């Protein structure tokens, strides 16, 4: 599947907030996306880290003269998915600009906590109701403890990957929680799994140095076959502890 140069992205792509803080992030179209009349978007996030408060039309549709249509809904009390549908009825929209504004509240944990904000589904339509091709970009939110509380990184912060989303490959960076029992480090493994827990590819199984390491996944399974676009999980195990992070492959 080809990549498009025109993007629908979470903006900004990274956000750092304090516990209890109310803040807004958006979904934006790039300068290359023009003639957009309607949009249908679903955004997912970890509801244990941030709580959805409100969703509004962004500045771009508000700036277009004439009638507009907009609505949103979530999937219940423990919300981790928000769906948005909107259109401008008498004109079209040209990027760059913010289509939708999401207002969140950062939850309290007493440690640094993180979540991806992922565009799980998106459809853009032009003036004759035809789909407009585009790719999507994920966002990242980190919530820090309130002033006076020492930040203790959660375990997911020790395993990261870049770029994310990716195509055709991504680099996993793992920092073990503590040096091994000796200068040689500790035994460990790094693998990629489906959301259902099925192993896709084992990237490393052996002795990890005290400083951890970097590991490249090329989007293929253990037999060398390209896997489909979608959400996967990188998982590191060492010293009886498990660390994971979500990664997104876009072909």
Protein backbone atom coordinates (compact mmCIF):
# COMPACT_ATOMS: atom_id res chain seq x y z
CA UNK A 1 0.00 0.00 0.00
CA UNK A 2 1.59 3.33 -1.00
CA UNK A 3 2.19 6.13 1.43
CA UNK A 4 0.59 9.49 0.74
CA UNK A 5 2.45 12.74 1.12
CA UNK A 6 -0.65 14.36 2.60
CA UNK A 7 -1.23 13.76 6.28
CA UNK A 8 -3.89 13.81 8.96
CA UNK A 9 -2.02 14.07 12.25
CA UNK A 10 -2.39 14.53 15.99
CA UNK A 11 -1.08 18.02 16.72
CA UNK A 12 1.18 18.66 18.46
CA UNK A 13 2.86 15.28 18.05
CA UNK A 14 4.13 15.33 21.65
CA UNK A 15 2.59 16.92 24.76
CA UNK A 16 3.87 17.07 28.37
CA UNK A 17 1.39 18.01 31.11
CA UNK A 18 1.14 17.93 34.90
CA UNK A 19 -1.30 15.72 36.80
CA UNK A 20 -4.77 17.26 36.98
CA UNK A 21 -4.08 19.73 34.17
CA UNK A 22 -6.77 20.33 31.53
CA UNK A 23 -5.33 20.70 28.04
CA UNK A 24 -6.23 20.50 24.36
CA UNK A 25 -4.72 18.74 21.37
CA UNK A 26 -6.04 18.60 17.84
CA UNK A 27 -6.28 16.58 14.66
CA UNK A 28 -4.81 18.58 11.78
CA UNK A 29 -4.57 18.30 8.01
CA UNK A 30 -1.38 19.20 6.18
CA UNK A 31 -0.93 21.88 3.52
CA UNK A 32 -1.19 19.27 0.78
CA UNK A 33 -4.76 18.33 1.69
CA UNK A 34 -7.20 20.62 -0.13
CA UNK A 35 -10.86 20.52 -1.05
CA UNK A 36 -11.92 18.69 2.12
CA UNK A 37 -15.65 18.83 2.69
CA UNK A 38 -16.30 16.13 5.29
CA UNK A 39 -14.39 14.08 7.85
CA UNK A 40 -15.03 10.97 9.91
CA UNK A 41 -12.37 10.26 12.54
CA UNK A 42 -11.89 7.88 15.49
CA UNK A 43 -9.16 8.63 18.04
CA UNK A 44 -7.98 6.18 20.71
CA UNK A 45 -5.88 6.70 23.86
CA UNK A 46 -5.24 5.17 27.28
CA UNK A 47 -8.10 6.33 29.48
CA UNK A 48 -6.13 5.50 32.63
CA UNK A 49 -3.69 8.30 31.70
CA UNK A 50 -5.92 11.02 30.21
CA UNK A 51 -9.68 11.59 30.43
CA UNK A 52 -11.74 13.10 27.60
CA UNK A 53 -13.60 16.24 28.67
CA UNK A 54 -14.95 17.75 25.44
CA UNK A 55 -14.60 17.69 21.66
CA UNK A 56 -15.19 20.73 19.42
CA UNK A 57 -14.86 21.79 15.82
CA UNK A 58 -11.37 23.03 15.15
CA UNK A 59 -10.44 26.50 13.88
CA UNK A 60 -10.36 25.36 10.24
CA UNK A 61 -14.04 24.39 9.81
CA UNK A 62 -15.07 27.32 12.02
CA UNK A 63 -13.34 29.68 9.58
CA UNK A 64 -15.34 28.45 6.57
CA UNK A 65 -18.45 30.55 5.82
CA UNK A 66 -21.84 28.90 5.60
CA UNK A 67 -23.58 26.04 7.39
CA UNK A 68 -21.64 23.28 9.17
CA UNK A 69 -22.38 19.86 10.61
CA UNK A 70 -20.58 18.39 13.64
CA UNK A 71 -21.10 15.68 16.27
CA UNK A 72 -19.06 13.35 18.46
CA UNK A 73 -19.58 10.45 20.83
CA UNK A 74 -17.57 8.12 23.05
CA UNK A 75 -18.02 4.47 23.98
CA UNK A 76 -18.98 4.68 27.63
CA UNK A 77 -17.77 5.67 31.06
CA UNK A 78 -14.30 4.16 30.66
CA UNK A 79 -13.66 6.00 27.44
CA UNK A 80 -10.69 5.09 25.32
CA UNK A 81 -12.20 5.85 21.89
CA UNK A 82 -13.84 9.02 20.59
CA UNK A 83 -15.61 9.26 17.23
CA UNK A 84 -16.06 12.54 15.36
CA UNK A 85 -18.08 13.33 12.25
CA UNK A 86 -18.26 16.76 10.61
CA UNK A 87 -18.68 18.65 7.34
CA UNK A 88 -18.87 22.12 5.87
CA UNK A 89 -21.99 22.34 3.71
CA UNK A 90 -21.46 25.38 1.49
CA UNK A 91 -17.72 25.20 0.73
CA UNK A 92 -14.59 23.07 1.20
CA UNK A 93 -11.56 23.32 3.48
CA UNK A 94 -7.91 23.62 2.52
CA UNK A 95 -4.98 22.71 4.77
CA UNK A 96 -3.04 23.36 6.79
CA UNK A 97 -5.42 23.61 9.72
CA UNK A 98 -6.99 21.96 12.75
CA UNK A 99 -10.17 20.01 12.00
CA UNK A 100 -11.04 18.90 15.54
CA UNK A 101 -10.01 20.00 19.05
CA UNK A 102 -9.99 17.45 21.89
CA UNK A 103 -9.94 18.62 25.52
CA UNK A 104 -8.47 16.21 28.06
CA UNK A 105 -7.70 16.10 31.76
CA UNK A 106 -4.45 14.48 32.90
CA UNK A 107 -5.08 11.85 35.57
CA UNK A 108 -3.11 11.49 38.79
CA UNK A 109 -0.74 8.56 39.39
CA UNK A 110 2.23 10.01 41.27
CA UNK A 111 4.57 8.70 38.54
CA UNK A 112 5.29 9.71 34.97
CA UNK A 113 2.63 8.06 32.78
CA UNK A 114 2.34 8.06 29.01
CA UNK A 115 -0.10 7.27 26.22
CA UNK A 116 -0.19 7.39 22.46
CA UNK A 117 -3.09 9.30 20.90
CA UNK A 118 -3.78 7.28 17.79
CA UNK A 119 -5.97 8.05 14.79
CA UNK A 120 -7.51 4.58 14.62
CA UNK A 121 -9.84 5.39 11.72
CA UNK A 122 -10.08 8.31 9.33
CA UNK A 123 -12.01 9.22 6.23
CA UNK A 124 -11.84 12.53 4.36
CA UNK A 125 -14.31 13.40 1.57
CA UNK A 126 -14.16 15.98 -1.19
CA UNK A 127 -16.91 18.15 -2.69
CA UNK A 128 -18.37 15.28 -4.74
CA UNK A 129 -18.23 12.86 -1.79
CA UNK A 130 -15.17 10.98 -3.02
CA UNK A 131 -12.49 9.81 -0.57
CA UNK A 132 -9.28 11.82 -0.31
CA UNK A 133 -6.13 9.72 0.10
CA UNK A 134 -3.94 10.50 3.09
CA UNK A 135 -1.72 8.95 5.74
CA UNK A 136 -2.03 9.43 9.50
CA UNK A 137 0.44 10.37 12.24
CA UNK A 138 0.20 9.42 15.92
CA UNK A 139 0.61 11.74 18.91
CA UNK A 140 2.14 11.19 22.34
CA UNK A 141 1.12 12.53 25.77
CA UNK A 142 3.18 12.31 28.95
CA UNK A 143 1.74 13.21 32.36
CA UNK A 144 4.19 14.25 35.08
CA UNK A 145 3.58 14.26 38.85
CA UNK A 146 2.61 17.50 40.54
CA UNK A 147 5.36 19.77 41.82
CA UNK A 148 6.99 18.35 44.92
CA UNK A 149 6.44 14.72 44.02
CA UNK A 150 9.50 12.94 42.72
CA UNK A 151 8.94 11.54 39.24
CA UNK A 152 9.27 7.76 39.05
CA UNK A 153 9.23 6.58 35.43
CA UNK A 154 6.70 3.89 34.68
CA UNK A 155 7.97 0.74 33.06
CA UNK A 156 6.81 1.56 29.54
CA UNK A 157 9.22 4.52 29.47
CA UNK A 158 12.15 2.08 29.42
CA UNK A 159 11.17 0.66 26.03
CA UNK A 160 10.63 3.08 23.15
CA UNK A 161 10.68 2.98 19.37
CA UNK A 162 11.24 5.43 16.54
CA UNK A 163 9.82 6.28 14.14
CA UNK A 164 6.27 5.45 15.24
CA UNK A 165 4.17 4.94 13.13
CA UNK A 166 6.74 3.42 10.78
CA UNK A 167 7.37 1.98 7.34
CA UNK A 168 9.40 -0.04 6.50
CA UNK A 169 11.39 -0.39 9.75
CA UNK A 170 11.55 0.94 13.31
CA UNK A 171 14.26 0.93 15.98
CA UNK A 172 13.46 -0.29 19.50
CA UNK A 173 15.50 1.19 22.33
CA UNK A 174 15.52 -0.69 25.64
CA UNK A 175 17.02 0.60 28.89
CA UNK A 176 16.99 -2.12 31.59
CA UNK A 177 15.61 -1.04 34.98
CA UNK A 178 18.92 -1.68 36.71
CA UNK A 179 22.35 -3.15 35.97
CA UNK A 180 22.61 -6.91 36.01
CA UNK A 181 23.99 -8.87 38.91
CA UNK A 182 27.43 -8.61 37.33
CA UNK A 183 29.14 -6.44 34.76
CA UNK A 184 27.82 -8.69 32.02
CA UNK A 185 24.23 -7.54 32.49
CA UNK A 186 21.25 -9.90 32.65
CA UNK A 187 19.44 -12.38 30.43
CA UNK A 188 16.56 -10.92 28.44
CA UNK A 189 14.44 -11.11 25.33
CA UNK A 190 12.87 -8.61 22.92
CA UNK A 191 9.90 -9.55 20.75
CA UNK A 192 7.02 -8.16 18.71
CA UNK A 193 3.48 -9.37 19.41
CA UNK A 194 -0.05 -8.89 18.08
CA UNK A 195 -2.62 -7.20 20.38
CA UNK A 196 -3.92 -10.72 21.08
CA UNK A 197 -0.54 -11.83 22.44
CA UNK A 198 0.69 -13.91 19.47
CA UNK A 199 4.43 -13.72 18.84
CA UNK A 200 5.18 -12.10 15.48
CA UNK A 201 8.98 -11.91 15.62
CA UNK A 202 11.65 -12.61 18.22
CA UNK A 203 14.27 -9.87 17.87
CA UNK A 204 16.66 -10.86 20.65
CA UNK A 205 17.15 -13.65 23.19
CA UNK A 206 20.34 -13.66 25.19
CA UNK A 207 22.55 -11.62 27.48
CA UNK A 208 21.67 -7.91 27.71
CA UNK A 209 24.42 -5.49 28.59
CA UNK A 210 23.92 -3.13 31.55
CA UNK A 211 23.10 -0.33 29.11
CA UNK A 212 20.46 -2.32 27.21
CA UNK A 213 20.58 -1.88 23.47
CA UNK A 214 18.82 -1.08 20.20
CA UNK A 215 16.94 -3.58 18.04
CA UNK A 216 15.52 -3.08 14.54
CA UNK A 217 12.22 -4.55 13.36
CA UNK A 218 11.70 -4.54 9.60
CA UNK A 219 7.96 -5.25 9.68
CA UNK A 220 8.42 -8.97 8.93
CA UNK A 221 7.51 -12.08 10.88
CA UNK A 222 9.84 -14.89 11.92
CA UNK A 223 9.65 -16.44 8.44
CA UNK A 224 10.64 -13.20 6.72
CA UNK A 225 7.12 -12.44 5.45
CA UNK A 226 5.84 -8.85 5.55
CA UNK A 227 3.06 -8.43 8.12
CA UNK A 228 -0.04 -6.31 7.59
CA UNK A 229 -0.50 -2.69 8.63
CA UNK A 230 -1.80 -2.33 12.16
CA UNK A 231 -1.01 -2.05 15.85
CA UNK A 232 1.63 -4.30 17.41
CA UNK A 233 3.36 -4.44 20.79
CA UNK A 234 7.09 -4.56 21.45
CA UNK A 235 7.79 -6.51 24.64
CA UNK A 236 11.04 -6.72 26.59
CA UNK A 237 11.54 -9.22 29.41
CA UNK A 238 14.47 -9.26 31.84
CA UNK A 239 15.10 -10.01 35.52
CA UNK A 240 11.55 -11.28 35.95
CA UNK A 241 10.00 -7.99 34.74
CA UNK A 242 8.14 -7.15 31.55
CA UNK A 243 8.09 -3.86 29.63
CA UNK A 244 5.96 -3.04 26.59
CA UNK A 245 5.14 -0.26 24.15
CA UNK A 246 2.67 0.09 21.30
CA UNK A 247 3.98 0.42 17.73
CA UNK A 248 2.04 1.11 14.53
CA UNK A 249 2.96 -0.19 11.09
CA UNK A 250 1.56 1.76 8.11
CA UNK A 251 2.17 0.26 4.67
